[in-house]
Protein backbone atom coordinates (compact mmCIF):
# COMPACT_ATOMS: atom_id res chain seq x y z
CA MET A 1 6.11 168.36 140.63
CA VAL A 2 3.56 170.90 141.84
CA ASP A 3 6.29 173.08 143.38
CA LEU A 4 8.26 172.99 140.12
CA TYR A 5 5.22 174.11 138.14
CA ALA A 6 4.55 176.87 140.68
CA ALA A 7 8.06 178.17 140.01
CA VAL A 8 7.70 177.99 136.21
CA ARG A 9 4.13 179.22 135.90
CA PRO A 10 4.82 182.98 136.30
CA LEU A 11 7.29 182.79 133.39
CA LEU A 12 4.93 180.67 131.31
CA TRP A 13 2.05 183.04 131.94
CA ARG A 14 3.98 185.97 130.50
CA LEU A 15 3.10 184.37 127.18
CA ASP A 16 -0.43 184.46 125.82
CA ALA A 17 -2.37 181.29 126.60
CA GLU A 18 -1.99 179.61 123.20
CA ALA A 19 1.74 180.34 122.98
CA ALA A 20 2.19 178.92 126.48
CA HIS A 21 0.28 175.81 125.47
CA GLY A 22 2.48 175.38 122.41
CA LEU A 23 5.59 175.63 124.58
CA THR A 24 4.13 173.03 126.94
CA VAL A 25 3.50 170.68 124.02
CA ARG A 26 7.10 171.00 122.87
CA ALA A 27 8.43 170.42 126.40
CA LEU A 28 6.32 167.30 126.85
CA ARG A 29 7.34 165.90 123.46
CA ALA A 30 10.99 166.53 124.25
CA GLY A 31 10.75 164.81 127.63
CA LEU A 32 11.58 168.00 129.52
CA VAL A 33 8.71 167.64 132.01
CA PRO A 34 9.82 165.48 134.97
CA THR A 35 7.85 162.26 135.35
CA PRO A 36 6.29 161.95 138.81
CA THR A 37 6.48 158.85 140.94
CA PRO A 38 3.42 156.93 139.78
CA PHE A 39 0.53 156.49 142.18
CA ASP A 40 -1.43 153.28 141.82
CA ASP A 41 -4.24 151.76 143.86
CA GLU A 42 -6.29 148.74 142.86
CA VAL A 43 -9.46 150.58 143.91
CA LEU A 44 -9.00 152.91 140.91
CA ARG A 45 -8.87 150.22 138.22
CA ILE A 46 -11.97 149.86 136.09
CA ARG A 47 -12.98 147.71 133.14
CA LEU A 48 -15.22 149.43 130.64
CA TRP A 49 -16.21 148.55 127.04
CA GLY A 50 -13.92 145.56 127.31
CA LEU A 51 -10.99 147.89 128.06
CA ASP A 52 -8.82 147.73 131.17
CA VAL A 53 -8.47 151.35 132.26
CA PRO A 54 -5.60 151.80 134.77
CA ASN A 55 -7.45 154.58 136.58
CA PRO A 56 -10.54 156.71 135.85
CA VAL A 57 -8.73 160.06 135.53
CA GLY A 58 -8.36 161.09 131.90
CA LEU A 59 -7.20 163.99 129.78
CA ALA A 60 -10.06 165.77 128.04
CA ALA A 61 -10.04 166.50 124.33
CA GLY A 62 -8.55 169.84 123.34
CA PHE A 63 -5.19 169.57 125.10
CA ASP A 64 -3.60 167.14 122.65
CA LYS A 65 -5.37 168.00 119.42
CA ASN A 66 -2.95 166.15 117.15
CA ALA A 67 -1.96 163.06 119.16
CA GLU A 68 1.51 164.43 119.86
CA MET A 69 1.63 163.75 123.61
CA VAL A 70 -0.33 160.59 124.35
CA ASP A 71 2.52 158.71 125.96
CA ALA A 72 3.90 161.78 127.73
CA MET A 73 0.49 162.27 129.36
CA ALA A 74 0.34 158.59 130.27
CA ARG A 75 3.65 159.01 132.11
CA LEU A 76 2.08 161.84 134.12
CA GLY A 77 -0.46 159.34 135.45
CA PHE A 78 -3.54 159.64 133.25
CA GLY A 79 -5.48 156.40 132.83
CA PHE A 80 -6.80 157.46 129.45
CA VAL A 81 -6.15 160.24 126.95
CA GLU A 82 -8.64 161.67 124.49
CA VAL A 83 -7.05 163.38 121.49
CA GLY A 84 -8.65 165.83 119.11
CA THR A 85 -10.97 167.27 118.08
CA VAL A 86 -9.92 165.78 114.71
CA THR A 87 -11.58 166.75 111.42
CA PRO A 88 -11.27 164.86 108.10
CA ARG A 89 -9.17 167.60 106.50
CA PRO A 90 -6.60 169.80 108.24
CA GLN A 91 -7.87 173.23 109.22
CA PRO A 92 -6.30 176.25 110.92
CA GLY A 93 -9.21 177.08 113.22
CA ASN A 94 -10.41 180.55 114.14
CA PRO A 95 -8.25 183.71 114.07
CA ARG A 96 -6.01 184.44 117.05
CA PRO A 97 -6.28 185.35 119.86
CA ARG A 98 -8.66 182.50 120.64
CA LEU A 99 -7.64 181.17 124.05
CA PHE A 100 -7.96 183.22 127.25
CA ARG A 101 -7.17 182.55 130.90
CA LEU A 102 -9.58 183.87 133.55
CA PRO A 103 -7.41 183.58 136.68
CA ALA A 104 -9.91 185.28 138.98
CA ASP A 105 -12.38 182.52 138.16
CA ARG A 106 -9.98 179.58 137.67
CA ALA A 107 -11.44 179.30 134.19
CA VAL A 108 -10.57 179.43 130.49
CA VAL A 109 -12.48 180.71 127.46
CA ASN A 110 -11.64 179.26 124.07
CA ARG A 111 -12.87 179.74 120.53
CA MET A 112 -10.24 177.58 118.86
CA GLY A 113 -12.44 176.26 116.03
CA PHE A 114 -11.14 172.69 115.71
CA ASN A 115 -7.63 173.62 114.62
CA ASN A 116 -5.88 170.32 113.85
CA ASP A 117 -3.65 168.46 111.39
CA GLY A 118 -6.45 166.32 109.96
CA ALA A 119 -7.45 162.69 110.31
CA ALA A 120 -4.69 161.17 108.17
CA ALA A 121 -1.89 162.82 110.17
CA VAL A 122 -3.42 161.92 113.52
CA ALA A 123 -4.01 158.32 112.43
CA ALA A 124 -0.38 158.02 111.34
CA ARG A 125 0.89 159.32 114.69
CA LEU A 126 -1.28 156.93 116.66
CA ALA A 127 -0.29 154.00 114.45
CA GLY A 128 3.38 154.83 115.01
CA ARG A 129 3.24 154.84 118.81
CA ARG A 130 5.45 152.50 120.82
CA PRO A 131 3.84 152.92 124.25
CA ALA A 132 5.84 152.14 127.38
CA VAL A 133 3.00 152.95 129.81
CA PRO A 134 -0.46 151.41 129.39
CA VAL A 135 -3.10 153.99 128.52
CA VAL A 136 -6.47 153.95 126.79
CA VAL A 137 -6.67 156.32 123.81
CA GLY A 138 -9.87 157.96 122.60
CA VAL A 139 -10.26 160.11 119.51
CA ASN A 140 -12.71 163.02 119.46
CA LEU A 141 -14.20 163.58 116.00
CA GLY A 142 -15.55 166.78 114.45
CA LYS A 143 -16.61 168.21 111.10
CA ASN A 144 -14.73 170.68 108.96
CA LYS A 145 -16.05 174.21 109.19
CA THR A 146 -16.74 174.49 105.46
CA SER A 147 -18.34 171.06 105.11
CA THR A 148 -22.00 170.92 104.08
CA ASP A 149 -22.40 167.22 104.92
CA ALA A 150 -21.78 166.66 108.60
CA ALA A 151 -22.63 162.96 108.50
CA ALA A 152 -20.08 162.35 105.74
CA ASP A 153 -17.39 164.16 107.75
CA TYR A 154 -18.00 162.15 110.92
CA ALA A 155 -18.14 158.91 108.91
CA ALA A 156 -14.84 159.84 107.26
CA GLY A 157 -13.33 160.38 110.69
CA VAL A 158 -14.47 156.93 111.75
CA ASP A 159 -13.05 155.38 108.58
CA ALA A 160 -9.66 156.99 109.17
CA LEU A 161 -9.33 156.50 112.93
CA ALA A 162 -11.32 153.44 114.04
CA GLY A 163 -8.28 151.24 113.54
CA VAL A 164 -6.08 153.21 115.95
CA ALA A 165 -8.55 154.33 118.64
CA ASP A 166 -9.73 152.50 121.75
CA TYR A 167 -12.91 154.57 121.61
CA LEU A 168 -14.37 157.29 119.37
CA VAL A 169 -16.34 160.40 120.29
CA VAL A 170 -18.84 162.26 118.12
CA ASN A 171 -18.43 165.89 119.15
CA VAL A 172 -21.54 167.90 118.25
CA SER A 173 -21.33 170.23 121.23
CA SER A 174 -18.50 172.68 120.63
CA PRO A 175 -19.79 176.27 120.45
CA ASN A 176 -17.00 177.31 118.09
CA THR A 177 -18.10 175.71 114.80
CA PRO A 178 -21.16 177.38 113.25
CA GLY A 179 -24.26 175.17 113.27
CA LEU A 180 -22.56 172.28 115.09
CA ARG A 181 -24.76 172.31 118.18
CA ALA A 182 -27.87 172.09 116.03
CA LEU A 183 -26.85 168.48 115.39
CA GLN A 184 -27.94 167.68 118.96
CA GLY A 185 -31.59 168.03 117.89
CA ARG A 186 -33.57 164.79 117.90
CA ALA A 187 -34.01 164.18 114.15
CA ALA A 188 -30.60 165.50 113.11
CA LEU A 189 -28.86 163.50 115.82
CA ALA A 190 -30.66 160.26 114.94
CA ASP A 191 -29.64 160.61 111.27
CA LEU A 192 -26.06 161.50 112.17
CA LEU A 193 -25.61 158.61 114.59
CA ASP A 194 -27.06 156.17 112.08
CA ALA A 195 -24.42 157.21 109.54
CA VAL A 196 -21.59 157.14 112.06
CA LEU A 197 -22.54 153.78 113.56
CA THR A 198 -22.77 152.32 110.06
CA ALA A 199 -19.24 153.56 109.37
CA ARG A 200 -18.01 152.13 112.66
CA ASP A 201 -19.59 148.74 111.97
CA ARG A 202 -17.86 148.47 108.59
CA ALA A 203 -14.48 149.26 110.13
CA GLY A 204 -13.36 145.66 109.93
CA GLY A 205 -11.87 143.73 112.82
CA ARG A 206 -11.70 146.72 115.16
CA ARG A 207 -15.04 148.04 116.40
CA PRO A 208 -14.28 150.75 118.96
CA PRO A 209 -17.00 151.99 121.33
CA LEU A 210 -18.77 155.11 120.07
CA LEU A 211 -19.64 157.94 122.45
CA LEU A 212 -21.44 161.26 122.07
CA LYS A 213 -20.19 164.47 123.71
CA ILE A 214 -23.00 166.84 124.71
CA ALA A 215 -23.25 170.48 125.70
CA PRO A 216 -24.20 171.71 129.17
CA ASP A 217 -26.58 174.33 127.69
CA LEU A 218 -29.45 171.98 126.92
CA THR A 219 -33.16 172.22 127.68
CA ASP A 220 -34.89 169.43 129.55
CA GLU A 221 -36.49 168.39 126.26
CA ASP A 222 -33.06 168.30 124.56
CA LYS A 223 -31.65 166.05 127.26
CA ALA A 224 -34.59 163.67 127.13
CA ASP A 225 -34.33 163.48 123.35
CA ILE A 226 -30.59 162.83 123.44
CA ALA A 227 -31.02 160.07 126.02
CA GLU A 228 -33.72 158.36 123.96
CA VAL A 229 -31.81 158.66 120.68
CA ALA A 230 -28.59 157.40 122.29
CA LEU A 231 -30.32 154.33 123.73
CA THR A 232 -32.27 153.59 120.57
CA ALA A 233 -29.25 153.98 118.31
CA GLY A 234 -27.09 151.73 120.45
CA LEU A 235 -24.44 154.23 121.46
CA ASP A 236 -21.82 153.00 123.91
CA GLY A 237 -21.70 156.07 126.15
CA LEU A 238 -22.00 159.82 126.66
CA ILE A 239 -19.55 162.53 127.67
CA ALA A 240 -21.04 165.31 129.80
CA THR A 241 -20.14 168.03 129.18
CA ASN A 242 -18.43 170.32 126.70
CA THR A 243 -17.81 174.00 127.44
CA THR A 244 -20.67 176.42 128.12
CA ILE A 245 -21.73 179.53 126.23
CA GLU A 246 -23.32 180.88 129.42
CA ARG A 247 -21.55 183.47 131.56
CA PRO A 248 -22.51 183.03 135.23
CA PRO A 249 -22.97 186.35 137.06
CA SER A 250 -20.30 185.24 139.54
CA LEU A 251 -17.53 185.66 136.95
CA ALA A 252 -15.08 188.32 138.05
CA ASP A 253 -12.26 188.25 135.50
CA PRO A 254 -12.16 191.15 133.01
CA ARG A 255 -11.99 188.68 130.11
CA ARG A 256 -15.29 187.02 131.00
CA GLY A 257 -16.92 188.70 127.99
CA GLU A 258 -14.69 187.00 125.39
CA ALA A 259 -16.69 184.91 122.92
CA GLY A 260 -16.27 181.14 123.05
CA GLY A 261 -16.76 178.23 125.39
CA LEU A 262 -16.17 178.66 129.12
CA SER A 263 -14.48 175.84 131.04
CA GLY A 264 -13.06 175.36 134.50
CA ARG A 265 -14.46 175.98 137.97
CA PRO A 266 -17.56 177.98 136.90
CA LEU A 267 -18.71 174.97 134.85
CA ARG A 268 -18.41 172.44 137.69
CA GLU A 269 -21.94 172.53 139.13
CA MET A 270 -23.65 172.77 135.74
CA ALA A 271 -21.68 169.85 134.31
CA THR A 272 -22.34 167.71 137.39
CA ARG A 273 -26.06 168.43 137.21
CA VAL A 274 -26.29 167.56 133.51
CA LEU A 275 -24.35 164.34 134.03
CA ALA A 276 -26.62 163.29 136.90
CA GLU A 277 -29.68 164.04 134.78
CA MET A 278 -28.34 161.98 131.88
CA TYR A 279 -27.63 159.08 134.23
CA GLY A 280 -31.24 159.22 135.37
CA LEU A 281 -32.65 159.61 131.86
CA THR A 282 -30.68 156.61 130.60
CA GLY A 283 -31.40 154.53 133.70
CA GLY A 284 -27.69 154.01 134.25
CA ARG A 285 -27.57 151.86 131.10
CA LEU A 286 -24.94 153.96 129.31
CA PRO A 287 -21.47 154.54 130.74
CA LEU A 288 -20.83 158.26 131.24
CA ILE A 289 -17.62 160.29 131.26
CA GLY A 290 -17.80 163.37 133.46
CA VAL A 291 -15.86 166.48 132.50
CA GLY A 292 -16.07 170.16 133.38
CA GLY A 293 -14.52 171.91 136.38
CA ILE A 294 -12.84 168.85 137.94
CA ALA A 295 -9.85 170.02 139.97
CA SER A 296 -9.61 167.68 142.98
CA GLY A 297 -10.26 164.14 144.13
CA ALA A 298 -13.45 165.35 145.80
CA ASP A 299 -14.65 166.79 142.47
CA ALA A 300 -13.90 163.50 140.72
CA TYR A 301 -15.62 161.51 143.45
CA ALA A 302 -18.75 163.68 143.30
CA ARG A 303 -18.92 163.15 139.53
CA ILE A 304 -18.56 159.37 139.94
CA ARG A 305 -21.30 159.27 142.56
CA ALA A 306 -23.46 161.32 140.20
CA GLY A 307 -23.08 158.63 137.53
CA ALA A 308 -19.68 158.91 135.82
CA SER A 309 -17.58 155.80 135.25
CA LEU A 310 -14.63 157.95 134.15
CA VAL A 311 -13.70 161.62 134.56
CA GLN A 312 -11.61 164.05 132.52
CA LEU A 313 -9.80 167.31 133.17
CA TYR A 314 -8.00 169.99 131.21
CA THR A 315 -8.47 173.54 132.55
CA ALA A 316 -7.31 172.64 136.07
CA LEU A 317 -3.94 171.62 134.59
CA VAL A 318 -3.45 175.22 133.46
CA TYR A 319 -3.66 176.36 137.07
CA GLU A 320 -2.24 173.40 139.01
CA GLY A 321 0.28 171.82 136.67
CA PRO A 322 1.01 168.17 135.91
CA GLY A 323 1.35 167.14 139.55
CA LEU A 324 -2.42 167.49 139.80
CA VAL A 325 -3.01 164.13 138.12
CA ASN A 326 -1.50 161.97 140.83
CA ARG A 327 -2.96 164.21 143.54
CA ILE A 328 -6.47 163.65 142.21
CA LYS A 329 -5.86 159.91 142.06
CA ARG A 330 -4.65 159.82 145.68
CA GLU A 331 -7.55 161.88 146.91
CA LEU A 332 -10.08 159.86 144.93
CA ALA A 333 -8.69 156.59 146.27
CA GLN A 334 -8.98 157.98 149.81
CA CYS A 335 -12.60 158.95 149.23
CA LEU A 336 -13.44 155.47 147.95
CA HIS A 337 -11.68 153.75 150.84
CA VAL A 338 -13.27 156.00 153.47
CA ASP A 339 -16.76 155.20 152.17
CA GLY A 340 -16.07 151.49 151.93
CA PHE A 341 -16.20 151.10 148.15
CA ALA A 342 -14.05 148.27 146.81
CA SER A 343 -13.75 149.84 143.37
CA VAL A 344 -14.66 152.85 141.26
CA ALA A 345 -17.38 150.76 139.60
CA ASP A 346 -19.05 150.18 142.98
CA ALA A 347 -19.38 153.94 143.53
CA VAL A 348 -20.76 154.85 140.08
CA GLY A 349 -24.21 156.39 140.49
CA ALA A 350 -24.22 155.94 144.27
CA ASP A 351 -26.20 159.13 144.79
CA HIS A 352 -29.07 157.70 142.73
CA ARG A 353 -29.54 154.60 144.90
CA PRO A 354 -31.84 154.10 147.87
CA ALA A 355 -30.38 155.73 150.97
CA ALA A 356 -29.54 152.41 152.61
CA ASP A 357 -27.46 151.33 149.62
CA ARG A 358 -25.63 154.45 148.54
CA GLY A 359 -22.81 154.82 151.08
CA ALA A 360 -22.13 158.29 152.39
CA PRO A 361 -23.93 161.17 150.64
CA ALA A 362 -21.56 163.23 148.53
CA ALA A 363 -21.62 166.23 150.88
CA ALA A 364 -20.84 164.09 153.94
CA ALA A 365 -18.11 162.26 152.06
CA LYS A 366 -16.55 165.54 151.03
CA ALA A 367 -16.65 166.80 154.63
CA ARG A 368 -14.78 163.70 155.78
CA PHE A 369 -12.39 164.02 152.85
CA ASP A 370 -11.57 167.56 153.94
CA GLN A 371 -10.41 166.16 157.28
CA ILE A 372 -7.97 163.69 155.73
CA ASP A 373 -4.35 164.64 156.20
CA PRO A 374 -2.89 165.82 152.89
CA ILE A 375 -0.30 163.60 151.22
């Protein structure tokens, strides 16, 4: 699988990034991407929010904005797929070009602007699925750019999609919708979550877990406020993190100055740090999903030890191709076995425990992982 992608990638990369993504979507929908031999290991199974997740490696929001590829991505080995961001009404997003590869940095910059088909279309696609491979499906919710009532938009998203989602995500952390990140402030966030939780609780028989996706560019006060509001409101979890508006001085690619959110390898350390801080601030009481710069089993394992119950990737797929999913699962399973953990759940937050109870420190575990023969 990886070798096939290596052969195709030079041709694919002759197209601009968004055109290449569109071609990938069409190939996946048409079944033209070979399905790898599945890798399974009981150590990777985890039960969370009453859901049986086949493995903790998920697809981050942004890749499948319109729920067109859920089952195709499940066949590639993902344990869960998060679609969106979905807004109540369809919208075209920002003007093109709006998606840029930074190969020198193994990164991507995007300023897509929540381009999507709208909640009704996405709900219909999810309702019409006939899945052959078990996979947990999350829906990432946003507000329309022209909306003046954010709470009403997020509540409308819940109303439309709660019946077809295994979990829902309130996305207030994208840098590409004006004013969106201001909703992470303490008072605004408390009001927003109250409205969204009320909508979720009136959804009838289905009451999917509700998560909040946060930015990496937060002050210590912001993070403390978010943790307190999330616990007080009764949220079911947090996703750390979205893309960053920062531009680390280490960036070397000529397109590093493009406006938008930066993802990929340069985000890895920042996202890990924010996730670990949120685990500490919430006392480990809220399940966390770690995302940002994950490109290997060692990256996934470090995020789990920092406090993540699940992890997500997107940008690494651009560089490594679909074979990356099973590779990460194999490497993660090896890391867990080497350190004597019986399950992913046993390793969650290990770096926060007393030294005698944490297993191998992440750095030592990675060093041993590096010595494992590749599969």
